[in-house]
Amino acid sequence: MVPRLPPALLAMPSGAPTPTPAPPPPPPPPMAMPSATPVGRGERPLGVTILAVLEGLAGLAAVLVGIGIAVGGSFLGRYLFDGGPLGALASVLGAVIGGFVLIVGLIILFLAWGFWTGAPWAWTVGVVLTMLGIVFGLLQLLFLQLSAIVGLLIDFFLIWYYTRDGVQRWFGKQGAWPAAQVNGMLQRADLPR
């Protein structure tokens, strides 16, 4: 058994100050909302914002078209062809083509997100796809499809735009493709006179 001390011994002397409790710690600073702007890259260029929005709209449209093709193929197979062999073929083709378009739409949406957030891989994918567009546009011109000229002009403009310093900085690709080289190629300054 533990001996008990009398209450008089436990009481504090009358002249001693009473201890005051410590003040509570200050509240932590409010958390900042995460920003879509990568650290040290500045503001998103307007052209990149426009590209991201257009890519997002194209991706959304492709997703909806893919779903429509899949549903339409199923509808054709069941009601127009009464579920016979042609109906089965229409259903399968609708599902395959619709699924492919749906996957392409999701990839386009992912690319739009990459443009919006300044992901370095999005710049690379954008440049590669634009280069492929130039190759296919030149092939179309070989077959006298003059409408390809508009696509080629857009693709050349995009290559020029991707090489601007602010755009490369947004994607963290400074110096990936010096703008002076592209300007020289576009102005044909490198050709012998």
Protein backbone atom coordinates (compact mmCIF):
# COMPACT_ATOMS: atom_id res chain seq x y z
CA MET A 1 0.00 0.00 0.00
CA VAL A 2 1.29 3.47 -0.88
CA PRO A 3 1.37 5.97 2.01
CA ARG A 4 -0.78 9.07 1.58
CA LEU A 5 0.60 12.53 2.21
CA PRO A 6 -1.54 15.00 4.09
CA PRO A 7 -3.24 17.62 1.88
CA ALA A 8 -1.33 20.47 3.57
CA LEU A 9 1.95 19.07 2.28
CA LEU A 10 0.58 18.70 -1.22
CA ALA A 11 -0.68 22.30 -1.45
CA MET A 12 1.61 24.88 -2.98
CA PRO A 13 2.97 27.66 -0.82
CA SER A 14 0.74 30.71 -0.88
CA GLY A 15 3.41 33.10 -2.24
CA ALA A 16 4.41 30.92 -5.19
CA PRO A 17 3.00 31.89 -8.60
CA THR A 18 0.59 29.48 -10.13
CA PRO A 19 1.85 28.00 -13.36
CA THR A 20 -0.05 29.16 -16.47
CA PRO A 21 -0.66 26.74 -19.29
CA ALA A 22 1.36 27.26 -22.47
CA PRO A 23 -0.55 28.96 -25.31
CA PRO A 24 -1.70 26.63 -28.07
CA PRO A 25 0.54 26.51 -31.16
CA PRO A 26 -0.53 28.73 -34.06
CA PRO A 27 -2.65 27.04 -36.73
CA PRO A 28 -0.78 25.83 -39.81
CA PRO A 29 -0.94 28.10 -42.86
CA PRO A 30 -3.77 27.28 -45.25
CA MET A 31 -2.83 24.80 -47.95
CA ALA A 32 -2.49 26.29 -51.39
CA MET A 33 -4.50 24.78 -54.19
CA PRO A 34 -2.34 22.77 -56.59
CA SER A 35 -1.61 24.71 -59.74
CA ALA A 36 -1.57 23.43 -63.28
CA THR A 37 1.45 25.65 -63.87
CA PRO A 38 4.67 23.63 -63.56
CA VAL A 39 7.18 25.18 -61.18
CA GLY A 40 9.57 27.56 -62.90
CA ARG A 41 7.86 27.41 -66.28
CA GLY A 42 5.73 30.54 -66.10
CA GLU A 43 2.25 30.87 -67.50
CA ARG A 44 0.83 28.54 -70.12
CA PRO A 45 1.13 30.15 -73.58
CA LEU A 46 -2.22 31.05 -75.16
CA GLY A 47 -1.52 28.89 -78.21
CA VAL A 48 -0.89 25.84 -76.01
CA THR A 49 -4.17 26.52 -74.21
CA ILE A 50 -5.95 26.68 -77.57
CA LEU A 51 -4.27 23.44 -78.70
CA ALA A 52 -5.22 21.72 -75.44
CA VAL A 53 -8.86 22.80 -75.72
CA LEU A 54 -9.07 21.78 -79.39
CA GLU A 55 -7.45 18.42 -78.63
CA GLY A 56 -9.87 17.93 -75.73
CA LEU A 57 -12.87 18.68 -77.96
CA ALA A 58 -11.55 16.37 -80.67
CA GLY A 59 -10.96 13.61 -78.11
CA LEU A 60 -14.44 14.03 -76.67
CA ALA A 61 -15.95 13.94 -80.16
CA ALA A 62 -13.98 10.79 -81.02
CA VAL A 63 -15.14 9.09 -77.81
CA LEU A 64 -18.77 9.93 -78.60
CA VAL A 65 -18.41 8.84 -82.25
CA GLY A 66 -16.79 5.58 -81.14
CA ILE A 67 -19.67 4.85 -78.80
CA GLY A 68 -22.12 5.81 -81.58
CA ILE A 69 -20.48 3.48 -84.09
CA ALA A 70 -20.53 0.58 -81.64
CA VAL A 71 -24.19 1.16 -80.75
CA GLY A 72 -25.12 1.82 -84.39
CA GLY A 73 -23.47 -1.39 -85.55
CA SER A 74 -25.35 -3.33 -82.93
CA PHE A 75 -28.60 -1.64 -83.93
CA LEU A 76 -28.02 -2.38 -87.62
CA GLY A 77 -27.16 -5.97 -86.91
CA ARG A 78 -30.20 -6.61 -84.82
CA TYR A 79 -33.00 -4.61 -86.46
CA LEU A 80 -31.99 -3.93 -90.06
CA PHE A 81 -30.54 -7.35 -90.85
CA ASP A 82 -32.78 -9.30 -88.44
CA GLY A 83 -29.79 -10.81 -86.66
CA GLY A 84 -28.73 -12.98 -89.63
CA PRO A 85 -25.15 -13.40 -90.87
CA LEU A 86 -25.04 -9.83 -92.17
CA GLY A 87 -26.42 -8.67 -88.86
CA ALA A 88 -23.66 -10.47 -86.98
CA LEU A 89 -21.07 -8.96 -89.32
CA ALA A 90 -22.51 -5.46 -88.82
CA SER A 91 -22.49 -5.92 -85.05
CA VAL A 92 -18.89 -7.16 -84.98
CA LEU A 93 -17.66 -4.46 -87.36
CA GLY A 94 -19.47 -1.82 -85.33
CA ALA A 95 -17.91 -3.06 -82.12
CA VAL A 96 -14.39 -3.27 -83.58
CA ILE A 97 -14.44 0.06 -85.41
CA GLY A 98 -16.28 1.79 -82.58
CA GLY A 99 -13.84 0.39 -80.03
CA PHE A 100 -10.88 1.57 -82.12
CA VAL A 101 -12.30 5.09 -82.46
CA LEU A 102 -13.09 5.13 -78.74
CA ILE A 103 -9.48 4.20 -77.85
CA VAL A 104 -8.13 6.87 -80.25
CA GLY A 105 -10.43 9.40 -78.58
CA LEU A 106 -9.12 8.48 -75.14
CA ILE A 107 -5.54 8.85 -76.40
CA ILE A 108 -6.38 12.29 -77.80
CA LEU A 109 -7.90 13.28 -74.45
CA PHE A 110 -4.71 12.13 -72.73
CA LEU A 111 -2.66 14.26 -75.15
CA ALA A 112 -4.90 17.26 -74.41
CA TRP A 113 -4.23 16.76 -70.69
CA GLY A 114 -0.49 16.63 -71.47
CA PHE A 115 -0.71 19.95 -73.34
CA TRP A 116 -2.73 21.51 -70.53
CA THR A 117 -0.30 20.46 -67.79
CA GLY A 118 2.91 21.01 -69.77
CA ALA A 119 4.04 17.38 -69.77
CA PRO A 120 7.34 17.05 -71.69
CA TRP A 121 6.14 13.92 -73.52
CA ALA A 122 3.17 15.89 -74.94
CA TRP A 123 5.53 18.25 -76.78
CA THR A 124 7.38 15.28 -78.28
CA VAL A 125 4.14 13.55 -79.31
CA GLY A 126 2.83 16.81 -80.79
CA VAL A 127 5.96 17.32 -82.88
CA VAL A 128 6.01 13.68 -84.08
CA LEU A 129 2.32 13.73 -85.04
CA THR A 130 2.78 17.04 -86.84
CA MET A 131 5.75 15.63 -88.76
CA LEU A 132 3.63 12.61 -89.74
CA GLY A 133 0.94 15.05 -90.90
CA ILE A 134 3.50 16.76 -93.13
CA VAL A 135 4.57 13.42 -94.63
CA PHE A 136 0.96 12.38 -95.30
CA GLY A 137 0.17 15.84 -96.71
CA LEU A 138 3.06 15.56 -99.14
CA LEU A 139 1.87 12.11 -100.18
CA GLN A 140 -1.59 13.54 -100.81
CA LEU A 141 -0.06 16.20 -103.03
CA LEU A 142 1.59 13.46 -105.10
CA PHE A 143 -1.90 12.23 -105.89
CA LEU A 144 -3.02 15.78 -106.76
CA GLN A 145 -5.23 16.25 -103.73
CA LEU A 146 -4.86 20.00 -103.53
CA SER A 147 -6.90 20.16 -100.33
CA ALA A 148 -3.77 18.86 -98.59
CA ILE A 149 -2.22 22.31 -98.96
CA VAL A 150 -4.36 23.63 -96.08
CA GLY A 151 -3.27 20.76 -93.82
CA LEU A 152 0.38 21.31 -94.77
CA LEU A 153 0.17 25.01 -93.96
CA ILE A 154 -1.32 24.21 -90.55
CA ASP A 155 1.35 21.57 -89.89
CA PHE A 156 4.19 23.94 -90.86
CA PHE A 157 2.70 26.59 -88.58
CA LEU A 158 2.51 24.06 -85.72
CA ILE A 159 6.16 23.08 -86.17
CA TRP A 160 7.08 26.76 -86.10
CA TYR A 161 4.94 27.28 -82.97
CA TYR A 162 6.31 24.24 -81.11
CA THR A 163 9.81 25.68 -81.48
CA ARG A 164 9.05 29.04 -79.83
CA ASP A 165 10.97 29.64 -76.62
CA GLY A 166 7.88 30.14 -74.44
CA VAL A 167 6.28 26.94 -75.71
CA GLN A 168 9.45 24.91 -75.21
CA ARG A 169 9.83 26.40 -71.73
CA TRP A 170 6.23 25.44 -70.86
CA PHE A 171 6.96 21.82 -71.78
CA GLY A 172 10.41 21.86 -70.15
CA LYS A 173 12.06 21.35 -73.54
CA GLN A 174 14.20 24.48 -73.82
CA GLY A 175 16.75 24.05 -76.55
CA ALA A 176 15.18 20.79 -77.75
CA TRP A 177 14.87 22.28 -81.19
CA PRO A 178 16.37 25.76 -81.51
CA ALA A 179 13.98 28.19 -83.13
CA ALA A 180 16.79 29.65 -85.25
CA GLN A 181 17.14 26.33 -87.08
CA VAL A 182 13.43 26.17 -87.85
CA ASN A 183 13.34 29.81 -88.95
CA GLY A 184 16.27 29.11 -91.23
CA MET A 185 14.54 26.09 -92.73
CA LEU A 186 11.26 27.90 -93.21
CA GLN A 187 12.88 30.95 -94.77
CA ARG A 188 15.08 28.71 -96.96
CA ALA A 189 18.11 30.72 -95.82
CA ASP A 190 20.28 27.61 -95.78
CA LEU A 191 19.96 26.94 -99.50
CA PRO A 192 22.85 27.97 -101.78
CA ARG A 193 22.11 30.98 -103.91
